[in-house]
Amino acid sequence: MGAAPVFAALGDETRLRLVTRLCTEGPLSIVHLSAGVPVTRQAVTKHVHALAAAGLVRSRRRGRQRQRFWELEPRRLQEASRYLDRISQQWDGALGRLKAFVEE
């Protein structure tokens, strides 16, 4: 899976907020993820499933009631970060070549 699905998933403000919460608060249930979010629990569920499809989160069942908790998949964020680093290096190189050309 390439980087595009990750960036598409993170391009939505609600999904980005959910990922941020999972980064800072750890695994959370849909009930806890929905707290303080200006969308319905059903909408949060759809957003979490979109994040899962992009490989950014995964669910695990915990507790007696086997409640589902969602947690971050850090490997996908690390891949996206490396991709952005490569793009940044390419831009730095291109800007350096442009500067050298303009200064000639």
PDB file of N, CA and C in Angstrom:
ATOM      1  N   MET A   1       0.859  -1.175   0.000  1.00  0.00           N
ATOM      2  CA  MET A   1       0.000   0.000   0.000  1.00  0.00           C
ATOM      3  C   MET A   1       0.901   1.233   0.000  1.00  0.00           C
ATOM      4  N   GLY A   2       0.648   2.159  -0.900  1.00  0.00           N
ATOM      5  CA  GLY A   2       1.442   3.370  -1.005  1.00  0.00           C
ATOM      6  C   GLY A   2       1.062   4.408   0.033  1.00  0.00           C
ATOM      7  N   ALA A   3       1.650   5.569  -0.113  1.00  0.00           N
ATOM      8  CA  ALA A   3       1.433   6.653   0.847  1.00  0.00           C
ATOM      9  C   ALA A   3       0.130   7.410   0.590  1.00  0.00           C
ATOM     10  N   ALA A   4      -0.375   7.370  -0.641  1.00  0.00           N
ATOM     11  CA  ALA A   4      -1.559   8.165  -0.983  1.00  0.00           C
ATOM     12  C   ALA A   4      -2.766   7.875  -0.082  1.00  0.00           C
ATOM     13  N   PRO A   5      -3.105   6.601   0.221  1.00  0.00           N
ATOM     14  CA  PRO A   5      -4.245   6.366   1.110  1.00  0.00           C
ATOM     15  C   PRO A   5      -4.055   6.962   2.504  1.00  0.00           C
ATOM     16  N   VAL A   6      -2.818   6.976   2.983  1.00  0.00           N
ATOM     17  CA  VAL A   6      -2.541   7.558   4.299  1.00  0.00           C
ATOM     18  C   VAL A   6      -2.815   9.054   4.272  1.00  0.00           C
ATOM     19  N   PHE A   7      -2.285   9.733   3.250  1.00  0.00           N
ATOM     20  CA  PHE A   7      -2.483  11.180   3.171  1.00  0.00           C
ATOM     21  C   PHE A   7      -3.942  11.529   2.897  1.00  0.00           C
ATOM     22  N   ALA A   8      -4.639  10.700   2.120  1.00  0.00           N
ATOM     23  CA  ALA A   8      -6.068  10.933   1.880  1.00  0.00           C
ATOM     24  C   ALA A   8      -6.846  10.804   3.184  1.00  0.00           C
ATOM     25  N   ALA A   9      -6.520   9.784   3.972  1.00  0.00           N
ATOM     26  CA  ALA A   9      -7.212   9.590   5.249  1.00  0.00           C
ATOM     27  C   ALA A   9      -6.919  10.726   6.218  1.00  0.00           C
ATOM     28  N   LEU A  10      -5.673  11.183   6.248  1.00  0.00           N
ATOM     29  CA  LEU A  10      -5.301  12.254   7.169  1.00  0.00           C
ATOM     30  C   LEU A  10      -5.737  13.629   6.678  1.00  0.00           C
ATOM     31  N   GLY A  11      -6.197  13.699   5.432  1.00  0.00           N
ATOM     32  CA  GLY A  11      -6.650  14.972   4.873  1.00  0.00           C
ATOM     33  C   GLY A  11      -7.972  15.440   5.442  1.00  0.00           C
ATOM     34  N   ASP A  12      -8.667  14.572   6.143  1.00  0.00           N
ATOM     35  CA  ASP A  12      -9.938  14.945   6.772  1.00  0.00           C
ATOM     36  C   ASP A  12      -9.650  15.402   8.202  1.00  0.00           C
ATOM     37  N   GLU A  13     -10.180  16.551   8.560  1.00  0.00           N
ATOM     38  CA  GLU A  13      -9.894  17.155   9.868  1.00  0.00           C
ATOM     39  C   GLU A  13     -10.328  16.262  11.031  1.00  0.00           C
ATOM     40  N   THR A  14     -11.492  15.641  10.918  1.00  0.00           N
ATOM     41  CA  THR A  14     -11.973  14.769  11.993  1.00  0.00           C
ATOM     42  C   THR A  14     -11.060  13.563  12.152  1.00  0.00           C
ATOM     43  N   ARG A  15     -10.677  12.938  11.043  1.00  0.00           N
ATOM     44  CA  ARG A  15      -9.787  11.776  11.122  1.00  0.00           C
ATOM     45  C   ARG A  15      -8.422  12.175  11.682  1.00  0.00           C
ATOM     46  N   LEU A  16      -7.935  13.338  11.293  1.00  0.00           N
ATOM     47  CA  LEU A  16      -6.650  13.806  11.824  1.00  0.00           C
ATOM     48  C   LEU A  16      -6.734  14.005  13.339  1.00  0.00           C
ATOM     49  N   ARG A  17      -7.843  14.544  13.809  1.00  0.00           N
ATOM     50  CA  ARG A  17      -8.043  14.713  15.254  1.00  0.00           C
ATOM     51  C   ARG A  17      -8.081  13.365  15.976  1.00  0.00           C
ATOM     52  N   LEU A  18      -8.751  12.380  15.349  1.00  0.00           N
ATOM     53  CA  LEU A  18      -8.831  11.052  15.956  1.00  0.00           C
ATOM     54  C   LEU A  18      -7.439  10.421  16.064  1.00  0.00           C
ATOM     55  N   VAL A  19      -6.641  10.558  15.018  1.00  0.00           N
ATOM     56  CA  VAL A  19      -5.275  10.024  15.050  1.00  0.00           C
ATOM     57  C   VAL A  19      -4.463  10.734  16.131  1.00  0.00           C
ATOM     58  N   THR A  20      -4.624  12.032  16.242  1.00  0.00           N
ATOM     59  CA  THR A  20      -3.911  12.794  17.269  1.00  0.00           C
ATOM     60  C   THR A  20      -4.290  12.300  18.660  1.00  0.00           C
ATOM     61  N   ARG A  21      -5.573  12.066  18.873  1.00  0.00           N
ATOM     62  CA  ARG A  21      -6.009  11.558  20.181  1.00  0.00           C
ATOM     63  C   ARG A  21      -5.438  10.181  20.463  1.00  0.00           C
ATOM     64  N   LEU A  22      -5.423   9.326  19.456  1.00  0.00           N
ATOM     65  CA  LEU A  22      -4.872   7.986  19.663  1.00  0.00           C
ATOM     66  C   LEU A  22      -3.365   8.058  19.937  1.00  0.00           C
ATOM     67  N   CYS A  23      -2.698   9.035  19.325  1.00  0.00           N
ATOM     68  CA  CYS A  23      -1.262   9.229  19.576  1.00  0.00           C
ATOM     69  C   CYS A  23      -1.011   9.649  21.017  1.00  0.00           C
ATOM     70  N   THR A  24      -1.837  10.519  21.532  1.00  0.00           N
ATOM     71  CA  THR A  24      -1.594  11.067  22.865  1.00  0.00           C
ATOM     72  C   THR A  24      -2.249  10.265  23.985  1.00  0.00           C
ATOM     73  N   GLU A  25      -3.398   9.651  23.700  1.00  0.00           N
ATOM     74  CA  GLU A  25      -4.147   8.986  24.765  1.00  0.00           C
ATOM     75  C   GLU A  25      -4.057   7.462  24.723  1.00  0.00           C
ATOM     76  N   GLY A  26      -3.525   6.916  23.649  1.00  0.00           N
ATOM     77  CA  GLY A  26      -3.438   5.461  23.537  1.00  0.00           C
ATOM     78  C   GLY A  26      -4.730   4.855  23.037  1.00  0.00           C
ATOM     79  N   PRO A  27      -4.872   3.536  23.129  1.00  0.00           N
ATOM     80  CA  PRO A  27      -6.070   2.854  22.625  1.00  0.00           C
ATOM     81  C   PRO A  27      -7.346   3.384  23.280  1.00  0.00           C
ATOM     82  N   LEU A  28      -8.368   3.622  22.452  1.00  0.00           N
ATOM     83  CA  LEU A  28      -9.648   4.140  22.941  1.00  0.00           C
ATOM     84  C   LEU A  28     -10.802   3.413  22.261  1.00  0.00           C
ATOM     85  N   SER A  29     -11.909   3.325  22.964  1.00  0.00           N
ATOM     86  CA  SER A  29     -13.128   2.781  22.378  1.00  0.00           C
ATOM     87  C   SER A  29     -13.816   3.871  21.564  1.00  0.00           C
ATOM     88  N   ILE A  30     -14.773   3.472  20.760  1.00  0.00           N
ATOM     89  CA  ILE A  30     -15.543   4.448  19.979  1.00  0.00           C
ATOM     90  C   ILE A  30     -16.240   5.430  20.913  1.00  0.00           C
ATOM     91  N   VAL A  31     -16.720   4.948  22.048  1.00  0.00           N
ATOM     92  CA  VAL A  31     -17.384   5.836  23.014  1.00  0.00           C
ATOM     93  C   VAL A  31     -16.423   6.934  23.457  1.00  0.00           C
ATOM     94  N   HIS A  32     -15.192   6.564  23.796  1.00  0.00           N
ATOM     95  CA  HIS A  32     -14.217   7.560  24.245  1.00  0.00           C
ATOM     96  C   HIS A  32     -13.733   8.434  23.090  1.00  0.00           C
ATOM     97  N   LEU A  33     -13.587   7.849  21.899  1.00  0.00           N
ATOM     98  CA  LEU A  33     -13.184   8.655  20.743  1.00  0.00           C
ATOM     99  C   LEU A  33     -14.257   9.674  20.372  1.00  0.00           C
ATOM    100  N   SER A  34     -15.509   9.335  20.624  1.00  0.00           N
ATOM    101  CA  SER A  34     -16.622  10.225  20.275  1.00  0.00           C
ATOM    102  C   SER A  34     -16.779  11.386  21.242  1.00  0.00           C
ATOM    103  N   ALA A  35     -16.243  11.247  22.435  1.00  0.00           N
ATOM    104  CA  ALA A  35     -16.383  12.296  23.450  1.00  0.00           C
ATOM    105  C   ALA A  35     -15.666  13.558  22.979  1.00  0.00           C
ATOM    106  N   GLY A  36     -16.393  14.652  22.982  1.00  0.00           N
ATOM    107  CA  GLY A  36     -15.815  15.940  22.630  1.00  0.00           C
ATOM    108  C   GLY A  36     -15.640  16.176  21.142  1.00  0.00           C
ATOM    109  N   VAL A  37     -16.145  15.274  20.324  1.00  0.00           N
ATOM    110  CA  VAL A  37     -16.043  15.428  18.869  1.00  0.00           C
ATOM    111  C   VAL A  37     -17.397  15.911  18.364  1.00  0.00           C
ATOM    112  N   PRO A  38     -17.425  16.918  17.479  1.00  0.00           N
ATOM    113  CA  PRO A  38     -18.700  17.495  17.048  1.00  0.00           C
ATOM    114  C   PRO A  38     -19.442  16.674  15.987  1.00  0.00           C
ATOM    115  N   VAL A  39     -19.233  15.351  15.982  1.00  0.00           N
ATOM    116  CA  VAL A  39     -19.968  14.474  15.058  1.00  0.00           C
ATOM    117  C   VAL A  39     -20.534  13.310  15.855  1.00  0.00           C
ATOM    118  N   THR A  40     -21.455  12.573  15.258  1.00  0.00           N
ATOM    119  CA  THR A  40     -22.105  11.465  15.948  1.00  0.00           C
ATOM    120  C   THR A  40     -21.146  10.294  16.140  1.00  0.00           C
ATOM    121  N   ARG A  41     -21.519   9.403  17.027  1.00  0.00           N
ATOM    122  CA  ARG A  41     -20.729   8.198  17.253  1.00  0.00           C
ATOM    123  C   ARG A  41     -20.665   7.358  15.979  1.00  0.00           C
ATOM    124  N   GLN A  42     -21.770   7.335  15.236  1.00  0.00           N
ATOM    125  CA  GLN A  42     -21.796   6.603  13.971  1.00  0.00           C
ATOM    126  C   GLN A  42     -20.791   7.198  12.979  1.00  0.00           C
ATOM    127  N   ALA A  43     -20.703   8.521  12.931  1.00  0.00           N
ATOM    128  CA  ALA A  43     -19.735   9.184  12.041  1.00  0.00           C
ATOM    129  C   ALA A  43     -18.306   8.876  12.473  1.00  0.00           C
ATOM    130  N   VAL A  44     -18.055   8.871  13.785  1.00  0.00           N
ATOM    131  CA  VAL A  44     -16.724   8.537  14.284  1.00  0.00           C
ATOM    132  C   VAL A  44     -16.365   7.110  13.871  1.00  0.00           C
ATOM    133  N   THR A  45     -17.320   6.204  13.969  1.00  0.00           N
ATOM    134  CA  THR A  45     -17.089   4.816  13.556  1.00  0.00           C
ATOM    135  C   THR A  45     -16.695   4.754  12.090  1.00  0.00           C
ATOM    136  N   LYS A  46     -17.385   5.489  11.240  1.00  0.00           N
ATOM    137  CA  LYS A  46     -17.050   5.510   9.809  1.00  0.00           C
ATOM    138  C   LYS A  46     -15.647   6.077   9.588  1.00  0.00           C
ATOM    139  N   HIS A  47     -15.308   7.127  10.314  1.00  0.00           N
ATOM    140  CA  HIS A  47     -13.975   7.715  10.192  1.00  0.00           C
ATOM    141  C   HIS A  47     -12.890   6.726  10.639  1.00  0.00           C
ATOM    142  N   VAL A  48     -13.147   6.031  11.733  1.00  0.00           N
ATOM    143  CA  VAL A  48     -12.170   5.053  12.233  1.00  0.00           C
ATOM    144  C   VAL A  48     -11.987   3.928  11.218  1.00  0.00           C
ATOM    145  N   HIS A  49     -13.071   3.513  10.583  1.00  0.00           N
ATOM    146  CA  HIS A  49     -12.964   2.470   9.561  1.00  0.00           C
ATOM    147  C   HIS A  49     -12.177   2.968   8.345  1.00  0.00           C
ATOM    148  N   ALA A  50     -12.314   4.238   8.001  1.00  0.00           N
ATOM    149  CA  ALA A  50     -11.516   4.813   6.909  1.00  0.00           C
ATOM    150  C   ALA A  50     -10.031   4.830   7.293  1.00  0.00           C
ATOM    151  N   LEU A  51      -9.744   5.147   8.543  1.00  0.00           N
ATOM    152  CA  LEU A  51      -8.360   5.117   9.018  1.00  0.00           C
ATOM    153  C   LEU A  51      -7.810   3.686   9.004  1.00  0.00           C
ATOM    154  N   ALA A  52      -8.654   2.732   9.357  1.00  0.00           N
ATOM    155  CA  ALA A  52      -8.237   1.327   9.339  1.00  0.00           C
ATOM    156  C   ALA A  52      -7.961   0.861   7.912  1.00  0.00           C
ATOM    157  N   ALA A  53      -8.791   1.286   6.974  1.00  0.00           N
ATOM    158  CA  ALA A  53      -8.588   0.912   5.569  1.00  0.00           C
ATOM    159  C   ALA A  53      -7.263   1.460   5.038  1.00  0.00           C
ATOM    160  N   ALA A  54      -6.838   2.598   5.560  1.00  0.00           N
ATOM    161  CA  ALA A  54      -5.555   3.194   5.162  1.00  0.00           C
ATOM    162  C   ALA A  54      -4.388   2.593   5.949  1.00  0.00           C
ATOM    163  N   GLY A  55      -4.695   1.698   6.889  1.00  0.00           N
ATOM    164  CA  GLY A  55      -3.651   1.055   7.671  1.00  0.00           C
ATOM    165  C   GLY A  55      -3.131   1.883   8.830  1.00  0.00           C
ATOM    166  N   LEU A  56      -3.852   2.925   9.194  1.00  0.00           N
ATOM    167  CA  LEU A  56      -3.382   3.818  10.261  1.00  0.00           C
ATOM    168  C   LEU A  56      -3.790   3.384  11.664  1.00  0.00           C
ATOM    169  N   VAL A  57      -4.877   2.637  11.772  1.00  0.00           N
ATOM    170  CA  VAL A  57      -5.335   2.150  13.074  1.00  0.00           C
ATOM    171  C   VAL A  57      -5.741   0.689  12.942  1.00  0.00           C
ATOM    172  N   ARG A  58      -5.804   0.034  14.089  1.00  0.00           N
ATOM    173  CA  ARG A  58      -6.301  -1.342  14.141  1.00  0.00           C
ATOM    174  C   ARG A  58      -7.124  -1.480  15.419  1.00  0.00           C
ATOM    175  N   SER A  59      -7.974  -2.474  15.460  1.00  0.00           N
ATOM    176  CA  SER A  59      -8.798  -2.673  16.648  1.00  0.00           C
ATOM    177  C   SER A  59      -8.408  -3.961  17.347  1.00  0.00           C
ATOM    178  N   ARG A  60      -8.631  -3.940  18.637  1.00  0.00           N
ATOM    179  CA  ARG A  60      -8.419  -5.123  19.470  1.00  0.00           C
ATOM    180  C   ARG A  60      -9.576  -5.186  20.459  1.00  0.00           C
ATOM    181  N   ARG A  61     -10.001  -6.388  20.724  1.00  0.00           N
ATOM    182  CA  ARG A  61     -11.067  -6.569  21.720  1.00  0.00           C
ATOM    183  C   ARG A  61     -10.419  -6.797  23.077  1.00  0.00           C
ATOM    184  N   ARG A  62     -10.952  -6.088  24.089  1.00  0.00           N
ATOM    185  CA  ARG A  62     -10.398  -6.179  25.434  1.00  0.00           C
ATOM    186  C   ARG A  62     -11.521  -6.250  26.453  1.00  0.00           C
ATOM    187  N   GLY A  63     -11.176  -6.762  27.585  1.00  0.00           N
ATOM    188  CA  GLY A  63     -12.110  -6.770  28.706  1.00  0.00           C
ATOM    189  C   GLY A  63     -13.102  -7.917  28.656  1.00  0.00           C
ATOM    190  N   ARG A  64     -13.869  -7.985  29.719  1.00  0.00           N
ATOM    191  CA  ARG A  64     -14.878  -9.027  29.842  1.00  0.00           C
ATOM    192  C   ARG A  64     -15.934  -8.962  28.761  1.00  0.00           C
ATOM    193  N   GLN A  65     -16.323  -7.766  28.438  1.00  0.00           N
ATOM    194  CA  GLN A  65     -17.376  -7.578  27.437  1.00  0.00           C
ATOM    195  C   GLN A  65     -16.820  -7.568  26.023  1.00  0.00           C
ATOM    196  N   ARG A  66     -15.500  -7.793  25.912  1.00  0.00           N
ATOM    197  CA  ARG A  66     -14.835  -7.854  24.608  1.00  0.00           C
ATOM    198  C   ARG A  66     -15.082  -6.579  23.802  1.00  0.00           C
ATOM    199  N   GLN A  67     -15.021  -5.455  24.510  1.00  0.00           N
ATOM    200  CA  GLN A  67     -15.202  -4.157  23.869  1.00  0.00           C
ATOM    201  C   GLN A  67     -14.038  -3.897  22.922  1.00  0.00           C
ATOM    202  N   ARG A  68     -14.353  -3.295  21.784  1.00  0.00           N
ATOM    203  CA  ARG A  68     -13.328  -3.005  20.774  1.00  0.00           C
ATOM    204  C   ARG A  68     -12.634  -1.694  21.095  1.00  0.00           C
ATOM    205  N   PHE A  69     -11.311  -1.745  21.134  1.00  0.00           N
ATOM    206  CA  PHE A  69     -10.487  -0.558  21.329  1.00  0.00           C
ATOM    207  C   PHE A  69      -9.670  -0.336  20.065  1.00  0.00           C
ATOM    208  N   TRP A  70      -9.566   0.917  19.675  1.00  0.00           N
ATOM    209  CA  TRP A  70      -8.812   1.290  18.480  1.00  0.00           C
ATOM    210  C   TRP A  70      -7.476   1.856  18.894  1.00  0.00           C
ATOM    211  N   GLU A  71      -6.424   1.424  18.195  1.00  0.00           N
ATOM    212  CA  GLU A  71      -5.090   1.906  18.500  1.00  0.00           C
ATOM    213  C   GLU A  71      -4.368   2.267  17.213  1.00  0.00           C
ATOM    214  N   LEU A  72      -3.411   3.127  17.382  1.00  0.00           N
ATOM    215  CA  LEU A  72      -2.622   3.614  16.260  1.00  0.00           C
ATOM    216  C   LEU A  72      -1.730   2.512  15.710  1.00  0.00           C
ATOM    217  N   GLU A  73      -1.543   2.516  14.410  1.00  0.00           N
ATOM    218  CA  GLU A  73      -0.574   1.634  13.751  1.00  0.00           C
ATOM    219  C   GLU A  73       0.614   2.521  13.386  1.00  0.00           C
ATOM    220  N   PRO A  74       1.601   2.653  14.272  1.00  0.00           N
ATOM    221  CA  PRO A  74       2.675   3.629  14.074  1.00  0.00           C
ATOM    222  C   PRO A  74       3.513   3.379  12.820  1.00  0.00           C
ATOM    223  N   ARG A  75       3.589   2.141  12.379  1.00  0.00           N
ATOM    224  CA  ARG A  75       4.397   1.826  11.199  1.00  0.00           C
ATOM    225  C   ARG A  75       3.937   2.622   9.985  1.00  0.00           C
ATOM    226  N   ARG A  76       2.639   2.788   9.808  1.00  0.00           N
ATOM    227  CA  ARG A  76       2.122   3.527   8.651  1.00  0.00           C
ATOM    228  C   ARG A  76       2.458   5.010   8.757  1.00  0.00           C
ATOM    229  N   LEU A  77       2.408   5.570   9.949  1.00  0.00           N
ATOM    230  CA  LEU A  77       2.783   6.974  10.123  1.00  0.00           C
ATOM    231  C   LEU A  77       4.273   7.158   9.880  1.00  0.00           C
ATOM    232  N   GLN A  78       5.069   6.195  10.286  1.00  0.00           N
ATOM    233  CA  GLN A  78       6.509   6.269  10.050  1.00  0.00           C
ATOM    234  C   GLN A  78       6.814   6.201   8.550  1.00  0.00           C
ATOM    235  N   GLU A  79       6.086   5.347   7.828  1.00  0.00           N
ATOM    236  CA  GLU A  79       6.269   5.270   6.373  1.00  0.00           C
ATOM    237  C   GLU A  79       5.918   6.604   5.720  1.00  0.00           C
ATOM    238  N   ALA A  80       4.809   7.215   6.153  1.00  0.00           N
ATOM    239  CA  ALA A  80       4.401   8.502   5.601  1.00  0.00           C
ATOM    240  C   ALA A  80       5.437   9.574   5.920  1.00  0.00           C
ATOM    241  N   SER A  81       5.986   9.532   7.117  1.00  0.00           N
ATOM    242  CA  SER A  81       7.016  10.496   7.500  1.00  0.00           C
ATOM    243  C   SER A  81       8.260  10.345   6.622  1.00  0.00           C
ATOM    244  N   ARG A  82       8.672   9.104   6.384  1.00  0.00           N
ATOM    245  CA  ARG A  82       9.833   8.872   5.512  1.00  0.00           C
ATOM    246  C   ARG A  82       9.558   9.361   4.091  1.00  0.00           C
ATOM    247  N   TYR A  83       8.341   9.175   3.621  1.00  0.00           N
ATOM    248  CA  TYR A  83       7.958   9.646   2.293  1.00  0.00           C
ATOM    249  C   TYR A  83       8.069  11.170   2.221  1.00  0.00           C
ATOM    250  N   LEU A  84       7.569  11.848   3.239  1.00  0.00           N
ATOM    251  CA  LEU A  84       7.665  13.309   3.278  1.00  0.00           C
ATOM    252  C   LEU A  84       9.117  13.770   3.364  1.00  0.00           C
ATOM    253  N   ASP A  85       9.932  13.031   4.096  1.00  0.00           N
ATOM    254  CA  ASP A  85      11.364  13.365   4.168  1.00  0.00           C
ATOM    255  C   ASP A  85      12.018  13.274   2.788  1.00  0.00           C
ATOM    256  N   ARG A  86      11.681  12.220   2.028  1.00  0.00           N
ATOM    257  CA  ARG A  86      12.243  12.080   0.678  1.00  0.00           C
ATOM    258  C   ARG A  86      11.804  13.234  -0.217  1.00  0.00           C
ATOM    259  N   ILE A  87      10.539  13.608  -0.136  1.00  0.00           N
ATOM    260  CA  ILE A  87      10.037  14.727  -0.941  1.00  0.00           C
ATOM    261  C   ILE A  87      10.747  16.012  -0.538  1.00  0.00           C
ATOM    262  N   SER A  88      10.942  16.217   0.747  1.00  0.00           N
ATOM    263  CA  SER A  88      11.629  17.409   1.231  1.00  0.00           C
ATOM    264  C   SER A  88      13.054  17.470   0.688  1.00  0.00           C
ATOM    265  N   GLN A  89      13.740  16.341   0.698  1.00  0.00           N
ATOM    266  CA  GLN A  89      15.100  16.297   0.164  1.00  0.00           C
ATOM    267  C   GLN A  89      15.122  16.605  -1.335  1.00  0.00           C
ATOM    268  N   GLN A  90      14.136  16.078  -2.056  1.00  0.00           N
ATOM    269  CA  GLN A  90      14.059  16.345  -3.496  1.00  0.00           C
ATOM    270  C   GLN A  90      13.819  17.830  -3.750  1.00  0.00           C
ATOM    271  N   TRP A  91      12.947  18.447  -2.963  1.00  0.00           N
ATOM    272  CA  TRP A  91      12.679  19.874  -3.117  1.00  0.00           C
ATOM    273  C   TRP A  91      13.914  20.702  -2.775  1.00  0.00           C
ATOM    274  N   ASP A  92      14.602  20.306  -1.705  1.00  0.00           N
ATOM    275  CA  ASP A  92      15.829  21.020  -1.341  1.00  0.00           C
ATOM    276  C   ASP A  92      16.834  20.964  -2.484  1.00  0.00           C
ATOM    277  N   GLY A  93      16.972  19.795  -3.097  1.00  0.00           N
ATOM    278  CA  GLY A  93      17.877  19.650  -4.238  1.00  0.00           C
ATOM    279  C   GLY A  93      17.449  20.495  -5.419  1.00  0.00           C
ATOM    280  N   ALA A  94      16.146  20.482  -5.719  1.00  0.00           N
ATOM    281  CA  ALA A  94      15.628  21.268  -6.841  1.00  0.00           C
ATOM    282  C   ALA A  94      15.823  22.763  -6.599  1.00  0.00           C
ATOM    283  N   LEU A  95      15.569  23.205  -5.376  1.00  0.00           N
ATOM    284  CA  LEU A  95      15.756  24.627  -5.062  1.00  0.00           C
ATOM    285  C   LEU A  95      17.229  25.015  -5.129  1.00  0.00           C
ATOM    286  N   GLY A  96      18.097  24.118  -4.704  1.00  0.00           N
ATOM    287  CA  GLY A  96      19.532  24.386  -4.807  1.00  0.00           C
ATOM    288  C   GLY A  96      19.976  24.515  -6.260  1.00  0.00           C
ATOM    289  N   ARG A  97      19.464  23.641  -7.128  1.00  0.00           N
ATOM    290  CA  ARG A  97      19.802  23.733  -8.550  1.00  0.00           C
ATOM    291  C   ARG A  97      19.250  25.006  -9.165  1.00  0.00           C
ATOM    292  N   LEU A  98      18.027  25.393  -8.768  1.00  0.00           N
ATOM    293  CA  LEU A  98      17.438  26.627  -9.278  1.00  0.00           C
ATOM    294  C   LEU A  98      18.248  27.840  -8.824  1.00  0.00           C
ATOM    295  N   LYS A  99      18.660  27.844  -7.570  1.00  0.00           N
ATOM    296  CA  LYS A  99      19.468  28.955  -7.052  1.00  0.00           C
ATOM    297  C   LYS A  99      20.790  29.055  -7.835  1.00  0.00           C
ATOM    298  N   ALA A 100      21.435  27.913  -8.056  1.00  0.00           N
ATOM    299  CA  ALA A 100      22.699  27.915  -8.795  1.00  0.00           C
ATOM    300  C   ALA A 100      22.492  28.423 -10.232  1.00  0.00           C
ATOM    301  N   PHE A 101      21.391  28.032 -10.853  1.00  0.00           N
ATOM    302  CA  PHE A 101      21.094  28.456 -12.211  1.00  0.00           C
ATOM    303  C   PHE A 101      20.859  29.975 -12.272  1.00  0.00           C
ATOM    304  N   VAL A 102      20.091  30.483 -11.305  1.00  0.00           N
ATOM    305  CA  VAL A 102      19.757  31.916 -11.281  1.00  0.00           C
ATOM    306  C   VAL A 102      21.021  32.738 -10.994  1.00  0.00           C
ATOM    307  N   GLU A 103      21.898  32.239 -10.175  1.00  0.00           N
ATOM    308  CA  GLU A 103      23.098  32.972  -9.814  1.00  0.00           C
ATOM    309  C   GLU A 103      24.163  32.956 -10.907  1.00  0.00           C
ATOM    310  N   GLU A 104      24.028  32.080 -11.889  1.00  0.00           N
ATOM    311  CA  GLU A 104      25.027  32.028 -12.970  1.00  0.00           C
ATOM    312  C   GLU A 104      24.933  33.217 -13.894  1.00  0.00           C
TER     313      GLU A 104
END
